[in-house]
C-alpha atoms as a PDB file:
ATOM      1  CA  MET A   1      71.357  87.817  86.013  1.00  0.00           C
ATOM      2  CA  ALA A   2      74.926  88.979  85.630  1.00  0.00           C
ATOM      3  CA  ARG A   3      77.199  89.302  88.621  1.00  0.00           C
ATOM      4  CA  VAL A   4      78.751  92.767  88.399  1.00  0.00           C
ATOM      5  CA  ILE A   5      82.302  92.919  89.756  1.00  0.00           C
ATOM      6  CA  ALA A   6      84.316  96.136  89.962  1.00  0.00           C
ATOM      7  CA  ILE A   7      88.082  95.638  89.852  1.00  0.00           C
ATOM      8  CA  ALA A   8      89.422  98.456  91.979  1.00  0.00           C
ATOM      9  CA  ASN A   9      92.317  99.704  94.049  1.00  0.00           C
ATOM     10  CA  GLN A  10      93.154 103.346  94.671  1.00  0.00           C
ATOM     11  CA  LYS A  11      96.844 102.463  94.381  1.00  0.00           C
ATOM     12  CA  GLY A  12      98.129 102.380  90.806  1.00  0.00           C
ATOM     13  CA  GLY A  13     100.344  99.727  89.264  1.00  0.00           C
ATOM     14  CA  VAL A  14      98.851  96.749  91.077  1.00  0.00           C
ATOM     15  CA  GLY A  15      97.536  94.888  88.042  1.00  0.00           C
ATOM     16  CA  LYS A  16      93.927  96.089  87.824  1.00  0.00           C
ATOM     17  CA  THR A  17      93.775  96.262  84.039  1.00  0.00           C
ATOM     18  CA  THR A  18      95.802  93.073  83.605  1.00  0.00           C
ATOM     19  CA  THR A  19      93.326  91.343  85.897  1.00  0.00           C
ATOM     20  CA  ALA A  20      90.282  92.837  84.174  1.00  0.00           C
ATOM     21  CA  VAL A  21      91.366  91.772  80.679  1.00  0.00           C
ATOM     22  CA  ASN A  22      92.693  88.339  81.577  1.00  0.00           C
ATOM     23  CA  LEU A  23      89.879  87.421  83.940  1.00  0.00           C
ATOM     24  CA  ALA A  24      87.299  88.481  81.345  1.00  0.00           C
ATOM     25  CA  ALA A  25      89.032  86.315  78.724  1.00  0.00           C
ATOM     26  CA  SER A  26      89.325  83.380  81.115  1.00  0.00           C
ATOM     27  CA  MET A  27      85.644  83.543  82.029  1.00  0.00           C
ATOM     28  CA  ALA A  28      84.728  83.764  78.335  1.00  0.00           C
ATOM     29  CA  ALA A  29      86.860  80.662  77.723  1.00  0.00           C
ATOM     30  CA  THR A  30      84.617  78.769  80.166  1.00  0.00           C
ATOM     31  CA  LYS A  31      81.667  79.630  77.869  1.00  0.00           C
ATOM     32  CA  ARG A  32      80.323  82.344  80.166  1.00  0.00           C
ATOM     33  CA  LYS A  33      78.915  85.483  78.570  1.00  0.00           C
ATOM     34  CA  VAL A  34      81.122  88.357  79.672  1.00  0.00           C
ATOM     35  CA  LEU A  35      81.039  92.141  79.333  1.00  0.00           C
ATOM     36  CA  LEU A  36      84.141  94.175  80.236  1.00  0.00           C
ATOM     37  CA  ILE A  37      83.676  97.885  80.927  1.00  0.00           C
ATOM     38  CA  ASP A  38      86.739 100.118  80.652  1.00  0.00           C
ATOM     39  CA  LEU A  39      86.240 103.105  82.968  1.00  0.00           C
ATOM     40  CA  ASP A  40      89.845 104.304  82.873  1.00  0.00           C
ATOM     41  CA  PRO A  41      90.552 107.293  80.563  1.00  0.00           C
ATOM     42  CA  GLN A  42      93.911 105.687  79.719  1.00  0.00           C
ATOM     43  CA  GLY A  43      91.962 103.043  77.780  1.00  0.00           C
ATOM     44  CA  ASN A  44      94.480 100.285  78.512  1.00  0.00           C
ATOM     45  CA  ALA A  45      91.826  97.586  78.882  1.00  0.00           C
ATOM     46  CA  THR A  46      90.439  98.682  75.512  1.00  0.00           C
ATOM     47  CA  MET A  47      93.801  98.342  73.771  1.00  0.00           C
ATOM     48  CA  GLY A  48      94.523  95.089  75.611  1.00  0.00           C
ATOM     49  CA  SER A  49      91.275  93.736  74.184  1.00  0.00           C
ATOM     50  CA  GLY A  50      92.411  94.378  70.627  1.00  0.00           C
ATOM     51  CA  VAL A  51      90.193  97.453  70.151  1.00  0.00           C
ATOM     52  CA  ASP A  52      91.763 100.674  68.865  1.00  0.00           C
ATOM     53  CA  LYS A  53      90.908 103.421  71.331  1.00  0.00           C
ATOM     54  CA  TYR A  54      92.002 105.997  68.728  1.00  0.00           C
ATOM     55  CA  GLY A  55      89.563 104.649  66.149  1.00  0.00           C
ATOM     56  CA  ASP A  56      85.895 105.390  65.599  1.00  0.00           C
ATOM     57  CA  VAL A  57      84.682 103.330  68.530  1.00  0.00           C
ATOM     58  CA  PRO A  58      81.848 104.213  70.919  1.00  0.00           C
ATOM     59  CA  THR A  59      82.972 104.588  74.524  1.00  0.00           C
ATOM     60  CA  ILE A  60      81.712 104.743  78.073  1.00  0.00           C
ATOM     61  CA  TYR A  61      81.541 108.542  77.569  1.00  0.00           C
ATOM     62  CA  ASP A  62      78.741 108.051  75.034  1.00  0.00           C
ATOM     63  CA  LEU A  63      76.835 105.925  77.537  1.00  0.00           C
ATOM     64  CA  LEU A  64      77.259 108.064  80.653  1.00  0.00           C
ATOM     65  CA  ILE A  65      77.214 111.576  79.177  1.00  0.00           C
ATOM     66  CA  GLU A  66      75.517 111.372  75.764  1.00  0.00           C
ATOM     67  CA  ASP A  67      72.835 108.903  76.943  1.00  0.00           C
ATOM     68  CA  LYS A  68      73.345 106.551  74.004  1.00  0.00           C
ATOM     69  CA  PRO A  69      71.559 103.178  74.354  1.00  0.00           C
ATOM     70  CA  ILE A  70      73.905 100.644  75.918  1.00  0.00           C
ATOM     71  CA  HIS A  71      73.604  98.211  73.007  1.00  0.00           C
ATOM     72  CA  ASP A  72      74.968 100.938  70.723  1.00  0.00           C
ATOM     73  CA  VAL A  73      78.190 101.304  72.721  1.00  0.00           C
ATOM     74  CA  ILE A  74      79.054  97.624  73.214  1.00  0.00           C
ATOM     75  CA  SER A  75      81.885  96.366  70.981  1.00  0.00           C
ATOM     76  CA  LYS A  76      81.384  92.670  70.272  1.00  0.00           C
ATOM     77  CA  GLU A  77      84.601  92.058  68.319  1.00  0.00           C
ATOM     78  CA  THR A  78      87.489  91.702  70.771  1.00  0.00           C
ATOM     79  CA  SER A  79      90.584  89.533  70.936  1.00  0.00           C
ATOM     80  CA  GLY A  80      89.319  87.908  74.123  1.00  0.00           C
ATOM     81  CA  GLU A  81      85.916  86.594  72.980  1.00  0.00           C
ATOM     82  CA  TYR A  82      84.073  88.888  75.404  1.00  0.00           C
ATOM     83  CA  HIS A  83      82.107  92.078  74.787  1.00  0.00           C
ATOM     84  CA  LEU A  84      83.577  95.483  75.651  1.00  0.00           C
ATOM     85  CA  ILE A  85      82.530  99.031  76.433  1.00  0.00           C
ATOM     86  CA  ALA A  86      85.643 100.966  75.461  1.00  0.00           C
ATOM     87  CA  ALA A  87      87.348 104.022  76.916  1.00  0.00           C
ATOM     88  CA  ASN A  88      89.733 106.662  75.601  1.00  0.00           C
ATOM     89  CA  GLY A  89      90.858 110.180  76.484  1.00  0.00           C
ATOM     90  CA  ASP A  90      87.301 111.505  76.133  1.00  0.00           C
ATOM     91  CA  VAL A  91      86.453 109.767  79.395  1.00  0.00           C
ATOM     92  CA  THR A  92      88.534 112.363  81.248  1.00  0.00           C
ATOM     93  CA  ALA A  93      85.857 114.919  80.323  1.00  0.00           C
ATOM     94  CA  ALA A  94      83.204 112.552  81.666  1.00  0.00           C
ATOM     95  CA  GLU A  95      84.624 112.964  85.177  1.00  0.00           C
ATOM     96  CA  VAL A  96      83.854 116.686  85.022  1.00  0.00           C
ATOM     97  CA  LYS A  97      80.551 116.515  83.157  1.00  0.00           C
ATOM     98  CA  LEU A  98      79.135 113.873  85.481  1.00  0.00           C
ATOM     99  CA  MET A  99      79.202 116.446  88.269  1.00  0.00           C
ATOM    100  CA  GLU A 100      76.597 118.501  86.376  1.00  0.00           C
ATOM    101  CA  LEU A 101      74.137 115.649  85.810  1.00  0.00           C
ATOM    102  CA  PHE A 102      71.163 114.411  87.795  1.00  0.00           C
ATOM    103  CA  ALA A 103      71.664 111.105  89.672  1.00  0.00           C
ATOM    104  CA  ARG A 104      75.334 111.258  88.694  1.00  0.00           C
ATOM    105  CA  GLU A 105      76.400 108.459  91.071  1.00  0.00           C
ATOM    106  CA  VAL A 106      74.070 105.838  89.576  1.00  0.00           C
ATOM    107  CA  ARG A 107      74.152 106.524  85.831  1.00  0.00           C
ATOM    108  CA  LEU A 108      76.167 103.376  85.124  1.00  0.00           C
ATOM    109  CA  ARG A 109      73.933 101.242  87.349  1.00  0.00           C
ATOM    110  CA  ASN A 110      70.827 102.498  85.580  1.00  0.00           C
ATOM    111  CA  ALA A 111      72.370 101.924  82.144  1.00  0.00           C
ATOM    112  CA  LEU A 112      73.332  98.334  82.963  1.00  0.00           C
ATOM    113  CA  GLU A 113      69.856  97.274  84.078  1.00  0.00           C
ATOM    114  CA  SER A 114      68.720  96.478  80.541  1.00  0.00           C
ATOM    115  CA  VAL A 115      71.610  94.057  79.839  1.00  0.00           C
ATOM    116  CA  LEU A 116      72.005  92.243  83.171  1.00  0.00           C
ATOM    117  CA  ALA A 117      70.061  89.254  81.854  1.00  0.00           C
ATOM    118  CA  GLU A 118      72.323  88.972  78.788  1.00  0.00           C
ATOM    119  CA  TYR A 119      75.571  88.242  80.648  1.00  0.00           C
ATOM    120  CA  ASP A 120      76.925  85.938  83.331  1.00  0.00           C
ATOM    121  CA  PHE A 121      79.619  88.374  84.458  1.00  0.00           C
ATOM    122  CA  ILE A 122      80.199  92.094  84.002  1.00  0.00           C
ATOM    123  CA  PHE A 123      83.686  93.282  84.990  1.00  0.00           C
ATOM    124  CA  ILE A 124      84.464  96.973  85.465  1.00  0.00           C
ATOM    125  CA  ASP A 125      88.070  98.177  85.196  1.00  0.00           C
ATOM    126  CA  CYS A 126      88.231 101.214  87.497  1.00  0.00           C
ATOM    127  CA  PRO A 127      90.678 104.139  87.300  1.00  0.00           C
ATOM    128  CA  PRO A 128      93.365 104.287  90.032  1.00  0.00           C
ATOM    129  CA  SER A 129      91.659 107.085  91.941  1.00  0.00           C
ATOM    130  CA  LEU A 130      88.459 107.761  93.800  1.00  0.00           C
ATOM    131  CA  ASN A 131      86.510 109.967  91.406  1.00  0.00           C
ATOM    132  CA  MET A 132      82.959 110.018  90.073  1.00  0.00           C
ATOM    133  CA  LEU A 133      83.752 107.236  87.604  1.00  0.00           C
ATOM    134  CA  THR A 134      84.877 104.954  90.422  1.00  0.00           C
ATOM    135  CA  VAL A 135      81.807 105.903  92.457  1.00  0.00           C
ATOM    136  CA  ASN A 136      79.643 104.913  89.470  1.00  0.00           C
ATOM    137  CA  ALA A 137      81.412 101.564  89.279  1.00  0.00           C
ATOM    138  CA  MET A 138      80.905 100.845  92.964  1.00  0.00           C
ATOM    139  CA  ALA A 139      77.272 101.949  92.824  1.00  0.00           C
ATOM    140  CA  ALA A 140      76.685  99.511  89.963  1.00  0.00           C
ATOM    141  CA  ALA A 141      78.668  96.574  91.361  1.00  0.00           C
ATOM    142  CA  ASP A 142      77.584  93.642  93.454  1.00  0.00           C
ATOM    143  CA  SER A 143      81.116  93.331  94.766  1.00  0.00           C
ATOM    144  CA  ILE A 144      84.703  94.522  94.437  1.00  0.00           C
ATOM    145  CA  LEU A 145      87.716  92.445  93.465  1.00  0.00           C
ATOM    146  CA  VAL A 146      90.887  94.026  94.854  1.00  0.00           C
ATOM    147  CA  PRO A 147      94.201  93.250  93.127  1.00  0.00           C
ATOM    148  CA  MET A 148      97.204  94.113  95.246  1.00  0.00           C
ATOM    149  CA  GLN A 149     100.918  93.545  95.475  1.00  0.00           C
ATOM    150  CA  CYS A 150     102.240  92.037  98.665  1.00  0.00           C
ATOM    151  CA  GLU A 151     104.204  95.045  99.889  1.00  0.00           C
ATOM    152  CA  TYR A 152     103.913  97.422 102.822  1.00  0.00           C
ATOM    153  CA  TYR A 153     102.422 100.411 101.001  1.00  0.00           C
ATOM    154  CA  ALA A 154      99.813  98.161  99.411  1.00  0.00           C
ATOM    155  CA  LEU A 155      98.525  97.293 102.888  1.00  0.00           C
ATOM    156  CA  GLU A 156      98.044 100.981 103.655  1.00  0.00           C
ATOM    157  CA  GLY A 157      96.230 101.444 100.359  1.00  0.00           C
ATOM    158  CA  LEU A 158      93.980  98.500 101.145  1.00  0.00           C
ATOM    159  CA  THR A 159      92.989 100.080 104.464  1.00  0.00           C
ATOM    160  CA  ALA A 160      92.008 103.290 102.654  1.00  0.00           C
ATOM    161  CA  LEU A 161      90.020 101.302 100.085  1.00  0.00           C
ATOM    162  CA  MET A 162      88.122  99.462 102.812  1.00  0.00           C
ATOM    163  CA  ASP A 163      87.154 102.795 104.376  1.00  0.00           C
ATOM    164  CA  THR A 164      85.941 104.006 100.979  1.00  0.00           C
ATOM    165  CA  ILE A 165      83.858 100.869 100.439  1.00  0.00           C
ATOM    166  CA  THR A 166      82.272 101.269 103.854  1.00  0.00           C
ATOM    167  CA  GLN A 167      81.323 104.889 103.121  1.00  0.00           C
ATOM    168  CA  LEU A 168      79.963 104.135  99.647  1.00  0.00           C
ATOM    169  CA  SER A 169      77.928 101.188 100.867  1.00  0.00           C
ATOM    170  CA  LYS A 170      76.141 103.585 103.227  1.00  0.00           C
ATOM    171  CA  LEU A 171      75.623 106.267 100.593  1.00  0.00           C
ATOM    172  CA  VAL A 172      74.945 104.604  97.223  1.00  0.00           C
ATOM    173  CA  ASN A 173      75.033 100.807  97.417  1.00  0.00           C
ATOM    174  CA  PRO A 174      74.083  98.947 100.609  1.00  0.00           C
ATOM    175  CA  LYS A 175      74.751  95.513  99.045  1.00  0.00           C
ATOM    176  CA  LEU A 176      78.367  96.332  98.122  1.00  0.00           C
ATOM    177  CA  GLN A 177      80.869  93.810  99.475  1.00  0.00           C
ATOM    178  CA  ILE A 178      84.380  92.498  98.886  1.00  0.00           C
ATOM    179  CA  GLU A 179      84.400  89.785  96.216  1.00  0.00           C
ATOM    180  CA  GLY A 180      87.972  88.846  96.981  1.00  0.00           C
ATOM    181  CA  ILE A 181      91.559  90.004  97.367  1.00  0.00           C
ATOM    182  CA  LEU A 182      93.949  88.910  94.633  1.00  0.00           C
ATOM    183  CA  ARG A 183      97.691  88.807  95.205  1.00  0.00           C
ATOM    184  CA  THR A 184      99.395  89.990  92.009  1.00  0.00           C
ATOM    185  CA  MET A 185     103.003  90.163  90.741  1.00  0.00           C
ATOM    186  CA  TYR A 186     103.764  87.608  93.435  1.00  0.00           C
ATOM    187  CA  ASP A 187     107.301  86.335  93.984  1.00  0.00           C
ATOM    188  CA  PRO A 188     107.427  83.572  96.631  1.00  0.00           C
ATOM    189  CA  ARG A 189     111.189  84.110  97.021  1.00  0.00           C
ATOM    190  CA  ASN A 190     110.528  87.567  98.457  1.00  0.00           C
ATOM    191  CA  ARG A 191     110.329  87.451 102.250  1.00  0.00           C
ATOM    192  CA  LEU A 192     108.289  90.653 102.499  1.00  0.00           C
ATOM    193  CA  ALA A 193     105.774  89.310  99.967  1.00  0.00           C
ATOM    194  CA  ASN A 194     105.326  86.187 102.074  1.00  0.00           C
ATOM    195  CA  ASP A 195     104.949  88.208 105.282  1.00  0.00           C
ATOM    196  CA  VAL A 196     102.325  90.524 103.760  1.00  0.00           C
ATOM    197  CA  SER A 197     100.540  87.532 102.257  1.00  0.00           C
ATOM    198  CA  GLU A 198     100.239  85.955 105.695  1.00  0.00           C
ATOM    199  CA  GLN A 199      98.922  89.211 107.171  1.00  0.00           C
ATOM    200  CA  LEU A 200      96.277  89.374 104.454  1.00  0.00           C
ATOM    201  CA  LYS A 201      95.119  85.831 105.207  1.00  0.00           C
ATOM    202  CA  GLN A 202      94.998  86.573 108.933  1.00  0.00           C
ATOM    203  CA  HIS A 203      92.889  89.724 108.480  1.00  0.00           C
ATOM    204  CA  PHE A 204      90.661  88.714 105.577  1.00  0.00           C
ATOM    205  CA  GLY A 205      90.536  84.933 105.787  1.00  0.00           C
ATOM    206  CA  ASP A 206      88.783  83.253 102.879  1.00  0.00           C
ATOM    207  CA  LYS A 207      88.316  86.596 101.104  1.00  0.00           C
ATOM    208  CA  VAL A 208      91.918  86.144  99.949  1.00  0.00           C
ATOM    209  CA  TYR A 209      91.947  84.013  96.802  1.00  0.00           C
ATOM    210  CA  ARG A 210      94.036  80.870  96.946  1.00  0.00           C
ATOM    211  CA  THR A 211      95.114  81.665  93.392  1.00  0.00           C
ATOM    212  CA  VAL A 212      98.086  84.024  93.167  1.00  0.00           C
ATOM    213  CA  ILE A 213      99.237  85.807  90.016  1.00  0.00           C
ATOM    214  CA  PRO A 214     103.015  85.519  89.560  1.00  0.00           C
ATOM    215  CA  ARG A 215     105.374  88.017  88.053  1.00  0.00           C
ATOM    216  CA  ASN A 216     105.313  86.900  84.435  1.00  0.00           C
ATOM    217  CA  VAL A 217     106.901  88.380  81.306  1.00  0.00           C
ATOM    218  CA  ARG A 218     104.105  87.068  79.063  1.00  0.00           C
ATOM    219  CA  LEU A 219     101.484  88.954  81.070  1.00  0.00           C
ATOM    220  CA  ALA A 220     103.478  92.142  80.571  1.00  0.00           C
ATOM    221  CA  GLU A 221     104.039  91.516  76.853  1.00  0.00           C
ATOM    222  CA  ALA A 222     100.483  90.524  75.895  1.00  0.00           C
ATOM    223  CA  PRO A 223      98.917  94.047  75.922  1.00  0.00           C
ATOM    224  CA  SER A 224     101.388  95.268  73.280  1.00  0.00           C
ATOM    225  CA  PHE A 225      99.939  92.577  71.006  1.00  0.00           C
ATOM    226  CA  GLY A 226      96.370  93.627  71.820  1.00  0.00           C
ATOM    227  CA  ALA A 227      95.440  90.292  73.346  1.00  0.00           C
ATOM    228  CA  PRO A 228      94.886  88.644  76.733  1.00  0.00           C
ATOM    229  CA  ALA A 229      97.739  86.384  77.852  1.00  0.00           C
ATOM    230  CA  MET A 230      95.828  83.183  77.104  1.00  0.00           C
ATOM    231  CA  TYR A 231      95.676  84.144  73.420  1.00  0.00           C
ATOM    232  CA  TYR A 232      99.256  85.390  73.377  1.00  0.00           C
ATOM    233  CA  ASP A 233     100.814  82.424  75.215  1.00  0.00           C
ATOM    234  CA  ARG A 234      98.318  79.998  76.707  1.00  0.00           C
ATOM    235  CA  ALA A 235     101.084  77.927  78.279  1.00  0.00           C
ATOM    236  CA  SER A 236     102.480  80.860  80.281  1.00  0.00           C
ATOM    237  CA  SER A 237     102.203  80.839  84.061  1.00  0.00           C
ATOM    238  CA  GLY A 238     100.271  84.116  83.929  1.00  0.00           C
ATOM    239  CA  ALA A 239      97.598  82.756  81.570  1.00  0.00           C
ATOM    240  CA  LYS A 240      97.252  79.580  83.638  1.00  0.00           C
ATOM    241  CA  SER A 241      96.898  81.599  86.846  1.00  0.00           C
ATOM    242  CA  TYR A 242      94.012  83.681  85.502  1.00  0.00           C
ATOM    243  CA  LEU A 243      92.255  80.541  84.274  1.00  0.00           C
ATOM    244  CA  ALA A 244      92.687  79.145  87.783  1.00  0.00           C
ATOM    245  CA  LEU A 245      91.264  82.375  89.243  1.00  0.00           C
ATOM    246  CA  ALA A 246      88.208  82.124  86.982  1.00  0.00           C
ATOM    247  CA  GLY A 247      87.672  78.571  88.206  1.00  0.00           C
ATOM    248  CA  GLU A 248      87.988  79.640  91.839  1.00  0.00           C
ATOM    249  CA  ILE A 249      85.442  82.462  91.377  1.00  0.00           C
ATOM    250  CA  LEU A 250      82.997  80.071  89.688  1.00  0.00           C
ATOM    251  CA  ARG A 251      83.339  77.515  92.498  1.00  0.00           C
ATOM    252  CA  ARG A 252      82.712  80.246  95.095  1.00  0.00           C
ATOM    253  CA  LYS A 253      79.631  81.390  93.189  1.00  0.00           C
ATOM    254  CA  GLU A 254      78.264  77.842  93.034  1.00  0.00           C
ATOM    255  CA  LYS A 255      78.934  77.347  96.743  1.00  0.00           C
ATOM    256  CA  GLN A 256      77.122  80.589  97.598  1.00  0.00           C
ATOM    257  CA  ALA A 257      74.159  79.625  95.398  1.00  0.00           C
ATOM    258  CA  ALA A 258      73.955  76.213  97.090  1.00  0.00           C
ATOM    259  CA  ALA A 259      74.030  77.842 100.544  1.00  0.00           C
ATOM    260  CA  VAL A 260      71.126  80.140  99.619  1.00  0.00           C
ATOM    261  CA  ALA A 261      69.137  77.250  98.167  1.00  0.00           C
END
């Protein structure tokens, strides 16, 4: 059964979409079957996957609002060798229309049930706000991966996110937990970044990934070419870091499975 991981942070500009696209591609490169769900109306993960959000492509709107079968909205041709449920501007309307529907918080979870056995990982790229789309993601997820920059305001945002997770776990998803905290756009020469990094490790321990994602021009350039960094420049530090992150997540999963066994 697929492990469903929501990539979320209420603070914008922390590398959520970059992480979603590049982690999905890195997992696919390890021969895992991966589905990436773009829940952000901006559709950046869709474009970064080489899929034209302005074209005639089915989107998450069709799944959540129009009740189309999930297999009919999955795009299998992407630049990252993973499958995709796309998003575009129509998804903005989904935020409003979801409020009118029955069981609005769990529509994504219910839709995913029929494909859980087909994938190893399902990643959900969440919008940078707490709305009904984000609630759907967290209701459907096993865990949340939190990308964050090592700066003061990011710490405040993380505290707010933790409060949100606690509330949602009581209301819609008791099994929801933190998958891990990923330090992004990291510059080891920055004293503040190092200080915040140490605070994260003190408070969250092994929930903080050892892998850090550096500031990297190739990571920033890759989306304009409609491809994950590993297909744009595999030798770049950004591409290598996301491959390392995929390896770290897989090792954690194996360790957890061994502990249960």
